Amino acid sequence: MVNNPLRVNIALMLERERAKRGLSHMHMAELFRTADGEKLAYRTYIQTVRQKNNVTLTTLQIMANGLQVSVAGLLAGRKKVPEWAHRLDENAIRKRLARIIDFERQRRTLHRYEMAELIGVAEATFTKLQRASGNISVDTIAAIAKALKLGPVTFLFSEKIPPTADLAVFDKVEK
């Protein structure tokens, strides 16, 4: 098993929600459907609960939608996050991660290739992270946080980087 606090938080949150709703694992998995109405695989759900799945932000968004909770809530588990963080969808979190990486790169006065090396990703992956594209996994988020010597939840939802740009994008989508 990978040592990733985000996997632990997600698994705990899924189990807490399942217990609160009094559902079997099978019925819990049935809550998770894509926008097109396709069900998330039962195996994906079970592997996520067992912390054996490197779940992506897209999958977390599907789970959050099914449970009517926030992606931030799934990532944080029992940790408290600012209220604005609960309004972030998967795309806003990708954009936020890109801003955090760029902020840290500039703060440390590193070139892009040096930052990619520091966080342990290929330059092509770093470019995707900077552009807020691709389906980022929780293991990648945790690895970035670890490389930057920051907590994965606290660095994602830190007040150090204001939420305004993330929420402005999200609020436009909702209206």
N, C-alpha and C. Protein backbone atom coordinates (compact mmCIF):
# COMPACT_ATOMS: atom_id res chain seq x y z
N MET A 1 0.85 -1.18 0.00
CA MET A 1 0.00 0.00 0.00
C MET A 1 0.90 1.25 0.00
N VAL A 2 0.50 2.24 -0.78
CA VAL A 2 1.22 3.50 -0.88
C VAL A 2 0.91 4.36 0.34
N ASN A 3 1.91 5.04 0.86
CA ASN A 3 1.70 5.93 2.00
C ASN A 3 1.29 7.31 1.48
N ASN A 4 -0.01 7.51 1.34
CA ASN A 4 -0.54 8.76 0.82
C ASN A 4 -1.70 9.20 1.71
N PRO A 5 -1.53 10.31 2.44
CA PRO A 5 -2.61 10.75 3.33
C PRO A 5 -3.90 11.09 2.59
N LEU A 6 -3.80 11.46 1.32
CA LEU A 6 -5.02 11.76 0.56
C LEU A 6 -5.84 10.50 0.33
N ARG A 7 -5.16 9.38 0.04
CA ARG A 7 -5.88 8.11 -0.12
C ARG A 7 -6.60 7.76 1.17
N VAL A 8 -5.93 7.96 2.29
CA VAL A 8 -6.52 7.66 3.60
C VAL A 8 -7.75 8.53 3.82
N ASN A 9 -7.62 9.84 3.56
CA ASN A 9 -8.75 10.76 3.75
C ASN A 9 -9.94 10.37 2.90
N ILE A 10 -9.69 10.05 1.64
CA ILE A 10 -10.77 9.69 0.72
C ILE A 10 -11.47 8.42 1.20
N ALA A 11 -10.68 7.41 1.56
CA ALA A 11 -11.25 6.14 2.03
C ALA A 11 -12.09 6.35 3.29
N LEU A 12 -11.58 7.13 4.22
CA LEU A 12 -12.33 7.41 5.46
C LEU A 12 -13.63 8.14 5.16
N MET A 13 -13.56 9.12 4.27
CA MET A 13 -14.76 9.89 3.92
C MET A 13 -15.80 8.99 3.24
N LEU A 14 -15.36 8.12 2.34
CA LEU A 14 -16.29 7.20 1.68
C LEU A 14 -16.94 6.26 2.69
N GLU A 15 -16.14 5.72 3.60
CA GLU A 15 -16.69 4.82 4.62
C GLU A 15 -17.64 5.56 5.56
N ARG A 16 -17.30 6.78 5.92
CA ARG A 16 -18.17 7.58 6.80
C ARG A 16 -19.50 7.84 6.11
N GLU A 17 -19.46 8.21 4.85
CA GLU A 17 -20.69 8.48 4.09
C GLU A 17 -21.52 7.20 3.92
N ARG A 18 -20.86 6.07 3.68
CA ARG A 18 -21.57 4.81 3.52
C ARG A 18 -22.29 4.44 4.80
N ALA A 19 -21.58 4.58 5.94
CA ALA A 19 -22.18 4.26 7.24
C ALA A 19 -23.35 5.20 7.55
N LYS A 20 -23.16 6.47 7.26
CA LYS A 20 -24.20 7.47 7.53
C LYS A 20 -25.47 7.15 6.73
N ARG A 21 -25.30 6.64 5.53
CA ARG A 21 -26.44 6.34 4.65
C ARG A 21 -26.96 4.91 4.84
N GLY A 22 -26.22 4.10 5.60
CA GLY A 22 -26.64 2.72 5.83
C GLY A 22 -26.65 1.88 4.56
N LEU A 23 -25.67 2.07 3.69
CA LEU A 23 -25.62 1.39 2.40
C LEU A 23 -24.58 0.28 2.39
N SER A 24 -24.84 -0.73 1.60
CA SER A 24 -23.81 -1.75 1.34
C SER A 24 -22.80 -1.13 0.37
N HIS A 25 -21.67 -1.79 0.22
CA HIS A 25 -20.68 -1.28 -0.74
C HIS A 25 -21.28 -1.23 -2.15
N MET A 26 -22.04 -2.25 -2.50
CA MET A 26 -22.63 -2.31 -3.83
C MET A 26 -23.57 -1.12 -4.06
N HIS A 27 -24.42 -0.84 -3.08
CA HIS A 27 -25.36 0.28 -3.22
C HIS A 27 -24.63 1.62 -3.19
N MET A 28 -23.57 1.69 -2.42
CA MET A 28 -22.78 2.92 -2.39
C MET A 28 -22.18 3.18 -3.77
N ALA A 29 -21.61 2.17 -4.38
CA ALA A 29 -20.99 2.32 -5.70
C ALA A 29 -22.01 2.75 -6.75
N GLU A 30 -23.27 2.36 -6.57
CA GLU A 30 -24.31 2.73 -7.53
C GLU A 30 -24.61 4.22 -7.53
N LEU A 31 -24.20 4.93 -6.50
CA LEU A 31 -24.41 6.38 -6.44
C LEU A 31 -23.51 7.12 -7.43
N PHE A 32 -22.43 6.49 -7.85
CA PHE A 32 -21.42 7.18 -8.63
C PHE A 32 -21.65 6.98 -10.12
N ARG A 33 -22.14 8.04 -10.75
CA ARG A 33 -22.41 8.03 -12.20
C ARG A 33 -21.78 9.25 -12.84
N THR A 34 -21.31 9.06 -14.06
CA THR A 34 -20.73 10.18 -14.81
C THR A 34 -21.86 11.09 -15.27
N ALA A 35 -21.49 12.22 -15.86
CA ALA A 35 -22.48 13.15 -16.39
C ALA A 35 -23.33 12.49 -17.47
N ASP A 36 -22.76 11.50 -18.17
CA ASP A 36 -23.49 10.78 -19.21
C ASP A 36 -24.35 9.66 -18.65
N GLY A 37 -24.34 9.49 -17.33
CA GLY A 37 -25.16 8.46 -16.71
C GLY A 37 -24.47 7.12 -16.58
N GLU A 38 -23.20 7.02 -17.00
CA GLU A 38 -22.49 5.76 -16.86
C GLU A 38 -22.06 5.58 -15.41
N LYS A 39 -22.15 4.34 -14.94
CA LYS A 39 -21.75 4.06 -13.56
C LYS A 39 -20.24 3.93 -13.47
N LEU A 40 -19.70 4.44 -12.38
CA LEU A 40 -18.29 4.22 -12.06
C LEU A 40 -18.16 2.74 -11.71
N ALA A 41 -17.11 2.11 -12.12
CA ALA A 41 -16.94 0.69 -11.86
C ALA A 41 -16.92 0.40 -10.35
N TYR A 42 -17.61 -0.64 -9.97
CA TYR A 42 -17.62 -1.08 -8.57
C TYR A 42 -16.18 -1.31 -8.10
N ARG A 43 -15.38 -1.91 -8.97
CA ARG A 43 -13.98 -2.19 -8.64
C ARG A 43 -13.23 -0.90 -8.30
N THR A 44 -13.48 0.18 -9.03
CA THR A 44 -12.83 1.46 -8.76
C THR A 44 -13.19 1.94 -7.37
N TYR A 45 -14.46 1.85 -7.03
CA TYR A 45 -14.92 2.27 -5.71
C TYR A 45 -14.25 1.44 -4.61
N ILE A 46 -14.29 0.11 -4.74
CA ILE A 46 -13.73 -0.78 -3.72
C ILE A 46 -12.23 -0.55 -3.57
N GLN A 47 -11.52 -0.44 -4.69
CA GLN A 47 -10.08 -0.21 -4.63
C GLN A 47 -9.77 1.13 -3.96
N THR A 48 -10.63 2.12 -4.16
CA THR A 48 -10.45 3.43 -3.53
C THR A 48 -10.67 3.32 -2.02
N VAL A 49 -11.70 2.60 -1.61
CA VAL A 49 -11.97 2.40 -0.19
C VAL A 49 -10.82 1.64 0.48
N ARG A 50 -10.22 0.70 -0.24
CA ARG A 50 -9.11 -0.08 0.30
C ARG A 50 -7.76 0.63 0.15
N GLN A 51 -7.79 1.83 -0.40
CA GLN A 51 -6.59 2.65 -0.61
C GLN A 51 -5.60 1.99 -1.57
N LYS A 52 -6.12 1.24 -2.52
CA LYS A 52 -5.27 0.56 -3.50
C LYS A 52 -5.42 1.17 -4.89
N ASN A 53 -6.14 2.28 -4.97
CA ASN A 53 -6.41 2.90 -6.26
C ASN A 53 -5.85 4.32 -6.26
N ASN A 54 -5.04 4.63 -7.25
CA ASN A 54 -4.52 5.98 -7.42
C ASN A 54 -5.60 6.80 -8.12
N VAL A 55 -6.60 7.17 -7.37
CA VAL A 55 -7.78 7.84 -7.89
C VAL A 55 -7.41 9.21 -8.47
N THR A 56 -8.12 9.60 -9.51
CA THR A 56 -7.87 10.88 -10.18
C THR A 56 -8.89 11.93 -9.76
N LEU A 57 -8.60 13.17 -10.09
CA LEU A 57 -9.55 14.25 -9.78
C LEU A 57 -10.89 14.04 -10.49
N THR A 58 -10.86 13.52 -11.70
CA THR A 58 -12.12 13.27 -12.42
C THR A 58 -12.97 12.24 -11.68
N THR A 59 -12.35 11.17 -11.22
CA THR A 59 -13.08 10.16 -10.46
C THR A 59 -13.59 10.73 -9.14
N LEU A 60 -12.76 11.54 -8.48
CA LEU A 60 -13.21 12.19 -7.24
C LEU A 60 -14.41 13.08 -7.48
N GLN A 61 -14.42 13.79 -8.61
CA GLN A 61 -15.56 14.66 -8.93
C GLN A 61 -16.82 13.82 -9.09
N ILE A 62 -16.72 12.67 -9.73
CA ILE A 62 -17.88 11.78 -9.90
C ILE A 62 -18.38 11.31 -8.53
N MET A 63 -17.44 10.93 -7.67
CA MET A 63 -17.82 10.49 -6.32
C MET A 63 -18.44 11.63 -5.52
N ALA A 64 -17.84 12.80 -5.59
CA ALA A 64 -18.36 13.96 -4.86
C ALA A 64 -19.77 14.30 -5.33
N ASN A 65 -19.99 14.27 -6.64
CA ASN A 65 -21.32 14.55 -7.18
C ASN A 65 -22.34 13.53 -6.67
N GLY A 66 -21.97 12.26 -6.68
CA GLY A 66 -22.88 11.21 -6.22
C GLY A 66 -23.23 11.34 -4.75
N LEU A 67 -22.28 11.79 -3.97
CA LEU A 67 -22.50 11.93 -2.52
C LEU A 67 -23.03 13.31 -2.14
N GLN A 68 -23.01 14.22 -3.09
CA GLN A 68 -23.38 15.61 -2.87
C GLN A 68 -22.50 16.24 -1.78
N VAL A 69 -21.20 16.00 -1.93
CA VAL A 69 -20.18 16.61 -1.08
C VAL A 69 -19.17 17.28 -2.01
N SER A 70 -18.22 17.96 -1.44
CA SER A 70 -17.21 18.63 -2.27
C SER A 70 -16.00 17.74 -2.49
N VAL A 71 -15.30 18.01 -3.59
CA VAL A 71 -14.04 17.32 -3.85
C VAL A 71 -13.06 17.64 -2.71
N ALA A 72 -13.07 18.89 -2.26
CA ALA A 72 -12.20 19.29 -1.15
C ALA A 72 -12.51 18.47 0.10
N GLY A 73 -13.78 18.22 0.35
CA GLY A 73 -14.17 17.40 1.50
C GLY A 73 -13.65 15.99 1.40
N LEU A 74 -13.69 15.41 0.20
CA LEU A 74 -13.14 14.07 0.01
C LEU A 74 -11.63 14.07 0.23
N LEU A 75 -10.95 15.06 -0.31
CA LEU A 75 -9.49 15.14 -0.16
C LEU A 75 -9.06 15.40 1.28
N ALA A 76 -9.85 16.20 1.98
CA ALA A 76 -9.48 16.61 3.33
C ALA A 76 -9.85 15.59 4.40
N GLY A 77 -10.85 14.75 4.14
CA GLY A 77 -11.30 13.82 5.17
C GLY A 77 -11.86 14.58 6.35
N ARG A 78 -11.29 14.40 7.51
CA ARG A 78 -11.76 15.09 8.71
C ARG A 78 -11.10 16.45 8.92
N LYS A 79 -10.07 16.75 8.11
CA LYS A 79 -9.40 18.04 8.27
C LYS A 79 -10.31 19.15 7.79
N LYS A 80 -10.25 20.26 8.51
CA LYS A 80 -11.07 21.42 8.16
C LYS A 80 -10.40 22.19 7.03
N VAL A 81 -11.19 22.56 6.04
CA VAL A 81 -10.70 23.40 4.94
C VAL A 81 -11.56 24.66 4.89
N PRO A 82 -11.02 25.75 4.33
CA PRO A 82 -11.82 26.98 4.24
C PRO A 82 -13.11 26.74 3.46
N GLU A 83 -14.13 27.50 3.78
CA GLU A 83 -15.44 27.34 3.14
C GLU A 83 -15.35 27.45 1.62
N TRP A 84 -14.54 28.39 1.12
CA TRP A 84 -14.43 28.58 -0.33
C TRP A 84 -13.91 27.32 -1.03
N ALA A 85 -13.12 26.51 -0.34
CA ALA A 85 -12.55 25.31 -0.96
C ALA A 85 -13.64 24.31 -1.35
N HIS A 86 -14.75 24.32 -0.62
CA HIS A 86 -15.84 23.39 -0.93
C HIS A 86 -16.55 23.74 -2.23
N ARG A 87 -16.30 24.92 -2.77
CA ARG A 87 -16.92 25.32 -4.04
C ARG A 87 -16.03 25.01 -5.24
N LEU A 88 -14.85 24.43 -5.01
CA LEU A 88 -13.93 24.13 -6.11
C LEU A 88 -14.28 22.79 -6.74
N ASP A 89 -14.38 22.79 -8.05
CA ASP A 89 -14.57 21.53 -8.75
C ASP A 89 -13.20 21.01 -9.20
N GLU A 90 -13.18 19.89 -9.91
CA GLU A 90 -11.90 19.29 -10.31
C GLU A 90 -11.07 20.24 -11.18
N ASN A 91 -11.71 20.99 -12.07
CA ASN A 91 -10.97 21.92 -12.93
C ASN A 91 -10.37 23.07 -12.13
N ALA A 92 -11.12 23.59 -11.19
CA ALA A 92 -10.61 24.67 -10.35
C ALA A 92 -9.45 24.17 -9.48
N ILE A 93 -9.51 22.93 -9.04
CA ILE A 93 -8.41 22.38 -8.25
C ILE A 93 -7.17 22.21 -9.13
N ARG A 94 -7.35 21.77 -10.38
CA ARG A 94 -6.21 21.68 -11.30
C ARG A 94 -5.56 23.06 -11.49
N LYS A 95 -6.40 24.07 -11.68
CA LYS A 95 -5.89 25.44 -11.86
C LYS A 95 -5.19 25.93 -10.61
N ARG A 96 -5.75 25.60 -9.49
CA ARG A 96 -5.15 26.00 -8.21
C ARG A 96 -3.79 25.33 -8.04
N LEU A 97 -3.71 24.04 -8.34
CA LEU A 97 -2.44 23.32 -8.25
C LEU A 97 -1.41 23.95 -9.18
N ALA A 98 -1.81 24.33 -10.38
CA ALA A 98 -0.90 25.00 -11.32
C ALA A 98 -0.38 26.30 -10.73
N ARG A 99 -1.26 27.08 -10.12
CA ARG A 99 -0.84 28.35 -9.51
C ARG A 99 0.10 28.12 -8.34
N ILE A 100 -0.17 27.11 -7.55
CA ILE A 100 0.69 26.80 -6.41
C ILE A 100 2.08 26.40 -6.88
N ILE A 101 2.13 25.54 -7.89
CA ILE A 101 3.42 25.09 -8.42
C ILE A 101 4.21 26.28 -8.97
N ASP A 102 3.53 27.14 -9.71
CA ASP A 102 4.20 28.31 -10.26
C ASP A 102 4.66 29.26 -9.16
N PHE A 103 3.82 29.46 -8.15
CA PHE A 103 4.16 30.30 -7.01
C PHE A 103 5.42 29.77 -6.32
N GLU A 104 5.43 28.47 -6.05
CA GLU A 104 6.58 27.86 -5.38
C GLU A 104 7.83 27.90 -6.25
N ARG A 105 7.67 27.70 -7.55
CA ARG A 105 8.82 27.76 -8.47
C ARG A 105 9.44 29.15 -8.45
N GLN A 106 8.60 30.17 -8.52
CA GLN A 106 9.12 31.55 -8.50
C GLN A 106 9.70 31.90 -7.14
N ARG A 107 9.05 31.47 -6.08
CA ARG A 107 9.54 31.75 -4.73
C ARG A 107 10.92 31.14 -4.52
N ARG A 108 11.14 29.97 -5.08
CA ARG A 108 12.42 29.28 -4.93
C ARG A 108 13.41 29.64 -6.04
N THR A 109 12.99 30.53 -6.94
CA THR A 109 13.79 30.97 -8.11
C THR A 109 14.37 29.78 -8.88
N LEU A 110 13.48 28.88 -9.27
CA LEU A 110 13.87 27.70 -10.03
C LEU A 110 13.41 27.81 -11.47
N HIS A 111 14.18 27.22 -12.38
CA HIS A 111 13.73 27.08 -13.76
C HIS A 111 12.66 25.99 -13.80
N ARG A 112 11.91 25.96 -14.88
CA ARG A 112 10.85 24.96 -14.99
C ARG A 112 11.40 23.54 -14.90
N TYR A 113 12.49 23.26 -15.59
CA TYR A 113 13.05 21.92 -15.55
C TYR A 113 13.53 21.56 -14.15
N GLU A 114 14.02 22.55 -13.39
CA GLU A 114 14.46 22.30 -12.02
C GLU A 114 13.26 22.00 -11.12
N MET A 115 12.17 22.70 -11.35
CA MET A 115 10.97 22.46 -10.55
C MET A 115 10.40 21.08 -10.87
N ALA A 116 10.42 20.71 -12.14
CA ALA A 116 9.95 19.37 -12.53
C ALA A 116 10.78 18.31 -11.83
N GLU A 117 12.08 18.51 -11.80
CA GLU A 117 12.97 17.57 -11.13
C GLU A 117 12.69 17.53 -9.63
N LEU A 118 12.51 18.69 -9.02
CA LEU A 118 12.24 18.77 -7.58
C LEU A 118 10.98 18.01 -7.21
N ILE A 119 9.91 18.17 -7.99
CA ILE A 119 8.66 17.50 -7.64
C ILE A 119 8.58 16.07 -8.19
N GLY A 120 9.62 15.66 -8.92
CA GLY A 120 9.72 14.27 -9.34
C GLY A 120 8.84 13.88 -10.50
N VAL A 121 8.66 14.81 -11.45
CA VAL A 121 7.87 14.48 -12.65
C VAL A 121 8.69 14.81 -13.89
N ALA A 122 8.34 14.19 -14.99
CA ALA A 122 8.97 14.49 -16.27
C ALA A 122 8.58 15.91 -16.69
N GLU A 123 9.40 16.51 -17.54
CA GLU A 123 9.09 17.87 -17.99
C GLU A 123 7.74 17.94 -18.71
N ALA A 124 7.40 16.89 -19.46
CA ALA A 124 6.11 16.87 -20.15
C ALA A 124 4.95 16.88 -19.14
N THR A 125 5.10 16.11 -18.07
CA THR A 125 4.08 16.09 -17.01
C THR A 125 4.02 17.44 -16.32
N PHE A 126 5.18 18.04 -16.09
CA PHE A 126 5.23 19.35 -15.46
C PHE A 126 4.49 20.38 -16.31
N THR A 127 4.67 20.30 -17.63
CA THR A 127 3.97 21.21 -18.54
C THR A 127 2.47 21.04 -18.41
N LYS A 128 2.00 19.80 -18.33
CA LYS A 128 0.56 19.54 -18.14
C LYS A 128 0.07 20.12 -16.82
N LEU A 129 0.89 19.93 -15.76
CA LEU A 129 0.51 20.48 -14.46
C LEU A 129 0.41 21.99 -14.52
N GLN A 130 1.38 22.63 -15.18
CA GLN A 130 1.37 24.09 -15.30
C GLN A 130 0.17 24.59 -16.09
N ARG A 131 -0.25 23.83 -17.07
CA ARG A 131 -1.39 24.22 -17.91
C ARG A 131 -2.72 23.78 -17.32
N ALA A 132 -2.67 23.15 -16.18
CA ALA A 132 -3.87 22.64 -15.50
C ALA A 132 -4.64 21.68 -16.40
N SER A 133 -3.89 20.87 -17.14
CA SER A 133 -4.53 19.90 -18.03
C SER A 133 -4.17 18.49 -17.59
N GLY A 134 -4.86 17.54 -18.13
CA GLY A 134 -4.63 16.15 -17.76
C GLY A 134 -5.44 15.78 -16.54
N ASN A 135 -5.52 14.50 -16.30
CA ASN A 135 -6.28 13.98 -15.17
C ASN A 135 -5.31 13.66 -14.05
N ILE A 136 -5.13 14.58 -13.15
CA ILE A 136 -4.15 14.49 -12.09
C ILE A 136 -4.62 13.51 -11.02
N SER A 137 -3.70 12.66 -10.56
CA SER A 137 -4.04 11.69 -9.53
C SER A 137 -3.70 12.22 -8.15
N VAL A 138 -4.30 11.60 -7.14
CA VAL A 138 -4.01 12.00 -5.77
C VAL A 138 -2.58 11.64 -5.37
N ASP A 139 -2.02 10.61 -5.98
CA ASP A 139 -0.62 10.28 -5.70
C ASP A 139 0.31 11.37 -6.22
N THR A 140 -0.01 11.93 -7.37
CA THR A 140 0.79 13.03 -7.92
C THR A 140 0.68 14.25 -7.02
N ILE A 141 -0.52 14.56 -6.58
CA ILE A 141 -0.72 15.71 -5.68
C ILE A 141 0.08 15.51 -4.39
N ALA A 142 0.00 14.32 -3.81
CA ALA A 142 0.73 14.03 -2.57
C ALA A 142 2.24 14.08 -2.79
N ALA A 143 2.71 13.58 -3.93
CA ALA A 143 4.14 13.61 -4.22
C ALA A 143 4.65 15.04 -4.37
N ILE A 144 3.86 15.88 -5.01
CA ILE A 144 4.23 17.30 -5.16
C ILE A 144 4.32 17.95 -3.79
N ALA A 145 3.31 17.72 -2.96
CA ALA A 145 3.30 18.30 -1.61
C ALA A 145 4.51 17.82 -0.81
N LYS A 146 4.81 16.54 -0.89
CA LYS A 146 5.95 15.99 -0.16
C LYS A 146 7.26 16.61 -0.65
N ALA A 147 7.42 16.75 -1.96
CA ALA A 147 8.64 17.34 -2.52
C ALA A 147 8.80 18.79 -2.08
N LEU A 148 7.67 19.49 -1.93
CA LEU A 148 7.70 20.89 -1.50
C LEU A 148 7.71 21.01 0.02
N LYS A 149 7.70 19.85 0.70
CA LYS A 149 7.68 19.80 2.17
C LYS A 149 6.45 20.51 2.74
N LEU A 150 5.30 20.22 2.12
CA LEU A 150 4.03 20.80 2.53
C LEU A 150 3.01 19.68 2.70
N GLY A 151 2.02 19.90 3.54
CA GLY A 151 0.94 18.93 3.70
C GLY A 151 0.05 18.96 2.47
N PRO A 152 -0.36 17.80 1.93
CA PRO A 152 -1.14 17.79 0.68
C PRO A 152 -2.47 18.53 0.75
N VAL A 153 -3.15 18.49 1.88
CA VAL A 153 -4.43 19.20 1.99
C VAL A 153 -4.18 20.68 2.26
N THR A 154 -3.28 20.94 3.19
CA THR A 154 -3.06 22.34 3.56
C THR A 154 -2.47 23.15 2.41
N PHE A 155 -1.60 22.56 1.59
CA PHE A 155 -1.04 23.35 0.50
C PHE A 155 -2.06 23.58 -0.60
N LEU A 156 -2.96 22.65 -0.82
CA LEU A 156 -3.98 22.84 -1.85
C LEU A 156 -4.99 23.92 -1.48
N PHE A 157 -5.32 24.00 -0.21
CA PHE A 157 -6.37 24.91 0.22
C PHE A 157 -5.86 25.99 1.16
N SER A 158 -4.58 26.31 1.05
CA SER A 158 -3.97 27.33 1.89
C SER A 158 -4.44 28.72 1.50
N GLU A 159 -4.58 29.55 2.51
CA GLU A 159 -4.95 30.95 2.27
C GLU A 159 -3.78 31.74 1.70
N LYS A 160 -2.56 31.13 1.72
CA LYS A 160 -1.38 31.81 1.20
C LYS A 160 -1.58 32.19 -0.28
N ILE A 161 -2.29 31.35 -1.00
CA ILE A 161 -2.63 31.64 -2.38
C ILE A 161 -4.13 31.92 -2.39
N PRO A 162 -4.52 33.17 -2.64
CA PRO A 162 -5.94 33.54 -2.54
C PRO A 162 -6.82 32.71 -3.48
N PRO A 163 -8.05 32.43 -3.07
CA PRO A 163 -8.95 31.60 -3.85
C PRO A 163 -9.67 32.34 -4.98
N THR A 164 -9.56 33.63 -5.05
CA THR A 164 -10.43 34.42 -5.94
C THR A 164 -10.43 33.95 -7.39
N ALA A 165 -9.28 33.72 -7.98
CA ALA A 165 -9.24 33.31 -9.39
C ALA A 165 -9.90 31.95 -9.58
N ASP A 166 -9.66 31.02 -8.66
CA ASP A 166 -10.28 29.70 -8.75
C ASP A 166 -11.80 29.79 -8.70
N LEU A 167 -12.31 30.60 -7.79
CA LEU A 167 -13.74 30.70 -7.61
C LEU A 167 -14.39 31.49 -8.73
N ALA A 168 -13.69 32.49 -9.27
CA ALA A 168 -14.24 33.26 -10.37
C ALA A 168 -14.51 32.35 -11.57
N VAL A 169 -13.58 31.45 -11.86
CA VAL A 169 -13.77 30.51 -12.97
C VAL A 169 -14.94 29.59 -12.66
N PHE A 170 -15.00 29.07 -11.44
CA PHE A 170 -16.05 28.13 -11.06
C PHE A 170 -17.42 28.83 -11.04
N ASP A 171 -17.47 30.05 -10.51
CA ASP A 171 -18.74 30.77 -10.43
C ASP A 171 -19.31 31.05 -11.81
N LYS A 172 -18.46 31.32 -12.80
CA LYS A 172 -18.93 31.56 -14.18
C LYS A 172 -19.60 30.32 -14.74
N VAL A 173 -19.03 29.14 -14.43
CA VAL A 173 -19.59 27.89 -14.91
C VAL A 173 -20.97 27.64 -14.31
N GLU A 174 -21.14 27.99 -13.04
CA GLU A 174 -22.42 27.73 -12.36
C GLU A 174 -23.54 28.63 -12.83
N LYS A 175 -23.23 29.85 -13.27
CA LYS A 175 -24.27 30.82 -13.62
C LYS A 175 -24.86 30.56 -14.98
